[in-house]
């Protein structure tokens, strides 16, 4: 199964619903790239460069940085998604396919899991890894921008996104796109770093800014990419703000569950319509 190598870095289309009040980066000329401000049109290319640099050891770094907890967070997400035989699932910003690896066996040969990511090097790494594990046939690997998905509307039973939303330039547009491609009654699950409980913050900050970039330098030879990833977590909307963004994008029953003291949160929503 081939990766779609179409250039995902072109201008995104306007879904026609207007700007979201909680998505401050939209159409203002600049946006955050970590703690730096960059032209909005440059962020996607910068993010691709980060993940091009770390793709080969991305999964190893996730294990080291989280002590393996990221696997438990993703298993919880897959469990909450309740994948069933024959379903069509979109794993947006799916990277190297950790969630797809859990979802594909559950949807079976009649189902499909579409793994979409802006970074084709991450997709290539994931496709090789899952093929080596014997997962082929019901996986589609799609190189595309989350803000402008080349997918039909009302097409998926479920959409997931794990640790990808904070890297999107216009998060509100990505949420609108996820809403568009879901079937009425379809559900969204977004797993993302968030704002930890106050007692955890000093230790979490010391670990994040002190150890993670140094670990990135040691394992991947790239300190700056991991400094960006740490900074991007701090720039990401907190739990309540992201819940409001889901509502603004049209999702019903928007809610979140804190994991590991709020270091990570699982946000959920449903596209109104059929039960």
Protein backbone atom coordinates (compact mmCIF):
# COMPACT_ATOMS: atom_id res chain seq x y z
CA UNK A 1 0.00 0.00 0.00
CA UNK A 2 1.60 3.25 -1.09
CA UNK A 3 1.87 6.54 0.71
CA UNK A 4 0.13 9.46 -0.98
CA UNK A 5 3.04 11.78 -1.73
CA UNK A 6 0.92 14.72 -2.84
CA UNK A 7 2.26 17.97 -1.44
CA UNK A 8 0.31 18.74 1.74
CA UNK A 9 1.98 22.10 2.24
CA UNK A 10 -0.17 24.22 -0.08
CA UNK A 11 -2.76 26.75 1.01
CA UNK A 12 -5.63 25.27 3.01
CA UNK A 13 -9.20 25.87 1.87
CA UNK A 14 -11.73 27.73 3.97
CA UNK A 15 -14.35 25.23 5.20
CA UNK A 16 -16.84 28.09 5.06
CA UNK A 17 -17.76 28.30 8.72
CA UNK A 18 -15.76 31.36 9.71
CA UNK A 19 -13.11 31.84 12.34
CA UNK A 20 -13.42 30.37 15.83
CA UNK A 21 -13.23 32.83 18.67
CA UNK A 22 -10.96 30.56 20.70
CA UNK A 23 -8.53 29.92 17.85
CA UNK A 24 -6.45 33.08 18.06
CA UNK A 25 -3.87 32.07 15.49
CA UNK A 26 -6.36 32.04 12.60
CA UNK A 27 -5.63 34.44 9.75
CA UNK A 28 -3.68 36.91 11.89
CA UNK A 29 -0.50 36.69 9.86
CA UNK A 30 1.60 34.97 12.51
CA UNK A 31 1.36 32.01 14.84
CA UNK A 32 3.36 30.28 17.53
CA UNK A 33 6.17 27.89 16.77
CA UNK A 34 7.08 26.91 20.28
CA UNK A 35 7.74 30.18 22.09
CA UNK A 36 8.57 32.00 18.86
CA UNK A 37 6.21 33.87 16.55
CA UNK A 38 6.52 32.90 12.88
CA UNK A 39 4.48 33.74 9.76
CA UNK A 40 1.43 31.48 9.76
CA UNK A 41 2.30 30.23 6.29
CA UNK A 42 5.66 28.92 7.50
CA UNK A 43 4.57 26.80 10.45
CA UNK A 44 3.57 23.68 8.51
CA UNK A 45 6.96 23.53 6.79
CA UNK A 46 8.76 24.04 10.09
CA UNK A 47 6.75 21.28 11.73
CA UNK A 48 7.50 18.93 8.81
CA UNK A 49 11.21 19.67 9.25
CA UNK A 50 11.02 18.82 12.96
CA UNK A 51 9.43 15.45 12.32
CA UNK A 52 11.65 14.69 9.32
CA UNK A 53 14.56 15.07 11.71
CA UNK A 54 13.22 12.78 14.45
CA UNK A 55 11.06 10.25 12.53
CA UNK A 56 13.54 7.38 12.74
CA UNK A 57 13.74 7.49 16.53
CA UNK A 58 10.43 9.13 17.33
CA UNK A 59 8.91 6.03 18.93
CA UNK A 60 12.03 5.32 21.01
CA UNK A 61 12.02 8.91 22.26
CA UNK A 62 8.34 8.67 23.20
CA UNK A 63 9.10 5.60 25.30
CA UNK A 64 12.04 7.30 27.00
CA UNK A 65 10.33 10.65 27.60
CA UNK A 66 7.14 9.20 29.04
CA UNK A 67 8.55 6.09 30.70
CA UNK A 68 6.24 4.11 28.42
CA UNK A 69 3.13 5.94 29.64
CA UNK A 70 2.28 7.14 26.13
CA UNK A 71 1.41 3.54 25.24
CA UNK A 72 -1.06 3.34 28.13
CA UNK A 73 -2.61 6.69 27.14
CA UNK A 74 -3.05 5.46 23.58
CA UNK A 75 -4.49 2.13 24.70
CA UNK A 76 -7.01 4.02 26.82
CA UNK A 77 -7.91 6.17 23.81
CA UNK A 78 -8.41 3.11 21.61
CA UNK A 79 -10.53 1.48 24.32
CA UNK A 80 -12.71 4.58 24.64
CA UNK A 81 -13.12 4.70 20.84
CA UNK A 82 -14.73 1.23 20.92
CA UNK A 83 -13.67 0.19 17.39
CA UNK A 84 -15.94 -2.42 15.83
CA UNK A 85 -15.71 -4.74 12.86
CA UNK A 86 -16.42 -3.00 9.58
CA UNK A 87 -15.99 0.55 10.84
CA UNK A 88 -14.14 3.29 9.01
CA UNK A 89 -11.80 5.23 11.29
CA UNK A 90 -9.66 8.27 10.54
CA UNK A 91 -6.48 8.52 12.60
CA UNK A 92 -5.63 12.18 11.96
CA UNK A 93 -2.01 13.31 12.39
CA UNK A 94 -1.41 9.61 12.95
CA UNK A 95 2.38 9.74 12.55
CA UNK A 96 4.01 6.34 12.88
CA UNK A 97 0.72 4.55 13.48
CA UNK A 98 0.61 3.78 17.22
CA UNK A 99 -3.15 4.22 17.39
CA UNK A 100 -3.68 2.56 14.02
CA UNK A 101 -1.86 -0.49 15.33
CA UNK A 102 -4.49 -0.81 18.05
CA UNK A 103 -7.50 0.06 15.89
CA UNK A 104 -6.84 -1.89 12.68
CA UNK A 105 -7.22 -5.40 14.15
CA UNK A 106 -10.56 -4.39 15.69
CA UNK A 107 -12.16 -3.08 12.49
CA UNK A 108 -11.08 -6.24 10.67
CA UNK A 109 -10.82 -6.89 6.94
CA UNK A 110 -14.15 -5.21 6.16
CA UNK A 111 -13.14 -2.03 7.96
CA UNK A 112 -10.60 0.68 7.14
CA UNK A 113 -8.23 2.82 9.17
CA UNK A 114 -6.96 5.86 7.30
CA UNK A 115 -3.74 7.18 8.83
CA UNK A 116 -3.32 10.81 7.79
CA UNK A 117 -0.31 12.99 8.52
CA UNK A 118 1.35 16.04 6.99
CA UNK A 119 4.75 14.37 7.34
CA UNK A 120 5.32 11.59 4.82
CA UNK A 121 8.54 10.46 6.50
CA UNK A 122 6.58 9.65 9.65
CA UNK A 123 4.03 7.79 7.53
CA UNK A 124 6.75 5.77 5.77
CA UNK A 125 8.23 4.81 9.13
CA UNK A 126 4.82 3.77 10.42
CA UNK A 127 3.89 1.83 7.29
CA UNK A 128 7.10 -0.20 7.49
CA UNK A 129 6.66 -0.83 11.19
CA UNK A 130 3.04 -1.98 10.91
CA UNK A 131 3.74 -4.07 7.82
CA UNK A 132 6.48 -5.86 9.77
CA UNK A 133 3.85 -6.57 12.42
CA UNK A 134 1.58 -8.11 9.77
CA UNK A 135 -0.91 -5.25 9.68
CA UNK A 136 -1.76 -4.71 6.02
CA UNK A 137 -4.89 -4.75 3.92
CA UNK A 138 -7.17 -2.50 5.95
CA UNK A 139 -4.77 0.44 6.42
CA UNK A 140 -4.53 3.48 4.15
CA UNK A 141 -1.64 5.94 4.54
CA UNK A 142 -2.51 9.47 3.47
CA UNK A 143 -0.11 12.41 3.24
CA UNK A 144 -2.28 15.49 3.81
CA UNK A 145 -2.79 18.60 5.92
CA UNK A 146 -5.23 18.24 8.81
CA UNK A 147 -6.65 21.67 7.93
CA UNK A 148 -7.73 20.53 4.45
CA UNK A 149 -8.45 16.82 4.41
CA UNK A 150 -8.86 15.40 0.87
CA UNK A 151 -11.65 13.15 2.13
CA UNK A 152 -15.42 13.10 1.58
CA UNK A 153 -17.83 14.36 4.19
CA UNK A 154 -19.88 12.05 6.42
CA UNK A 155 -17.45 9.20 5.72
CA UNK A 156 -16.05 7.99 9.06
CA UNK A 157 -17.58 6.38 12.12
CA UNK A 158 -14.78 7.61 14.38
CA UNK A 159 -11.87 10.03 14.21
CA UNK A 160 -8.84 10.01 16.50
CA UNK A 161 -5.86 12.30 16.91
CA UNK A 162 -3.02 11.59 19.34
CA UNK A 163 -0.46 14.30 20.11
CA UNK A 164 -0.98 16.03 16.78
CA UNK A 165 -3.34 18.95 17.31
CA UNK A 166 -0.78 21.19 19.00
CA UNK A 167 1.37 21.08 15.84
CA UNK A 168 -1.46 22.30 13.58
CA UNK A 169 -1.29 25.95 12.55
CA UNK A 170 -5.05 26.63 12.60
CA UNK A 171 -6.44 24.24 15.15
CA UNK A 172 -10.01 25.42 14.69
CA UNK A 173 -9.93 24.59 11.00
CA UNK A 174 -8.63 21.11 11.75
CA UNK A 175 -11.49 20.54 14.19
CA UNK A 176 -13.99 21.73 11.58
CA UNK A 177 -12.49 19.29 9.06
CA UNK A 178 -12.74 16.42 11.53
CA UNK A 179 -16.37 17.32 12.11
CA UNK A 180 -17.01 17.42 8.35
CA UNK A 181 -15.62 13.96 7.59
CA UNK A 182 -17.44 12.23 10.45
CA UNK A 183 -20.80 10.60 9.85
CA UNK A 184 -23.74 12.01 11.82
CA UNK A 185 -23.38 10.44 15.24
CA UNK A 186 -19.67 9.84 14.66
CA UNK A 187 -17.30 10.42 17.55
CA UNK A 188 -14.01 12.28 17.94
CA UNK A 189 -11.20 11.41 20.35
CA UNK A 190 -8.28 13.83 20.77
CA UNK A 191 -5.42 12.78 23.02
CA UNK A 192 -3.07 15.66 23.75
CA UNK A 193 -0.73 17.09 26.34
CA UNK A 194 -2.54 19.56 28.52
CA UNK A 195 -2.22 21.57 31.73
CA UNK A 196 -1.24 19.45 34.76
CA UNK A 197 -2.57 19.96 38.26
CA UNK A 198 -0.81 22.79 40.10
CA UNK A 199 1.24 20.61 42.49
CA UNK A 200 2.82 18.81 39.51
CA UNK A 201 3.82 21.88 37.50
CA UNK A 202 7.21 22.77 39.03
CA UNK A 203 8.53 19.21 38.69
CA UNK A 204 6.95 18.82 35.26
CA UNK A 205 8.55 22.05 34.03
CA UNK A 206 11.96 21.08 35.36
CA UNK A 207 11.74 17.69 33.67
CA UNK A 208 10.39 19.07 30.39
CA UNK A 209 12.79 21.95 29.88
CA UNK A 210 15.81 20.36 31.53
CA UNK A 211 15.83 16.70 30.55
CA UNK A 212 13.80 16.28 27.35
CA UNK A 213 15.93 18.50 25.05
CA UNK A 214 19.09 16.90 26.45
CA UNK A 215 17.61 13.45 25.84
CA UNK A 216 16.69 14.49 22.31
CA UNK A 217 20.28 15.51 21.67
CA UNK A 218 21.59 12.22 23.03
CA UNK A 219 19.17 9.91 21.19
CA UNK A 220 18.45 11.76 17.94
CA UNK A 221 21.21 14.36 17.77
CA UNK A 222 18.55 17.07 17.65
CA UNK A 223 18.07 19.22 20.76
CA UNK A 224 16.16 22.01 19.00
CA UNK A 225 13.35 19.81 17.71
CA UNK A 226 12.64 18.56 21.21
CA UNK A 227 12.88 22.05 22.65
CA UNK A 228 10.15 23.01 20.16
CA UNK A 229 8.01 20.01 21.15
CA UNK A 230 8.25 20.97 24.84
CA UNK A 231 7.39 24.60 24.07
CA UNK A 232 4.49 23.57 21.84
CA UNK A 233 2.90 21.80 24.80
CA UNK A 234 2.96 25.02 26.83
CA UNK A 235 1.39 26.96 23.96
CA UNK A 236 -1.43 24.46 23.47
CA UNK A 237 -4.92 25.39 24.77
CA UNK A 238 -5.76 24.08 28.22
CA UNK A 239 -8.49 21.54 28.85
CA UNK A 240 -11.44 23.91 29.11
CA UNK A 241 -10.37 26.05 26.16
CA UNK A 242 -10.05 23.02 23.90
CA UNK A 243 -13.43 21.75 25.07
CA UNK A 244 -14.93 25.11 24.02
CA UNK A 245 -13.15 24.84 20.66
CA UNK A 246 -14.82 21.47 20.07
CA UNK A 247 -18.20 23.06 20.74
CA UNK A 248 -17.40 25.94 18.40
CA UNK A 249 -16.51 23.43 15.68
CA UNK A 250 -19.97 21.89 16.00
CA UNK A 251 -19.38 18.93 18.31
CA UNK A 252 -21.98 17.91 20.86
CA UNK A 253 -21.24 16.37 24.25
CA UNK A 254 -17.76 17.94 24.28
CA UNK A 255 -15.87 16.74 27.35
CA UNK A 256 -12.44 15.71 28.56
CA UNK A 257 -10.82 13.21 30.90
CA UNK A 258 -7.56 14.12 32.62
CA UNK A 259 -4.87 11.44 32.61
CA UNK A 260 -1.75 11.36 34.82
CA UNK A 261 -2.74 14.42 36.78
CA UNK A 262 -3.71 16.44 33.72
CA UNK A 263 -0.34 16.09 31.98
CA UNK A 264 -2.44 14.55 29.21
CA UNK A 265 -6.16 14.88 28.52
CA UNK A 266 -8.49 12.91 26.28
CA UNK A 267 -11.06 15.22 24.67
CA UNK A 268 -14.21 13.73 23.18
CA UNK A 269 -17.10 14.97 21.08
CA UNK A 270 -19.89 13.74 18.85
CA UNK A 271 -21.17 15.00 15.51
CA UNK A 272 -24.88 15.61 16.02
CA UNK A 273 -27.20 13.38 14.08
CA UNK A 274 -28.00 9.68 14.06
CA UNK A 275 -27.57 7.80 17.32
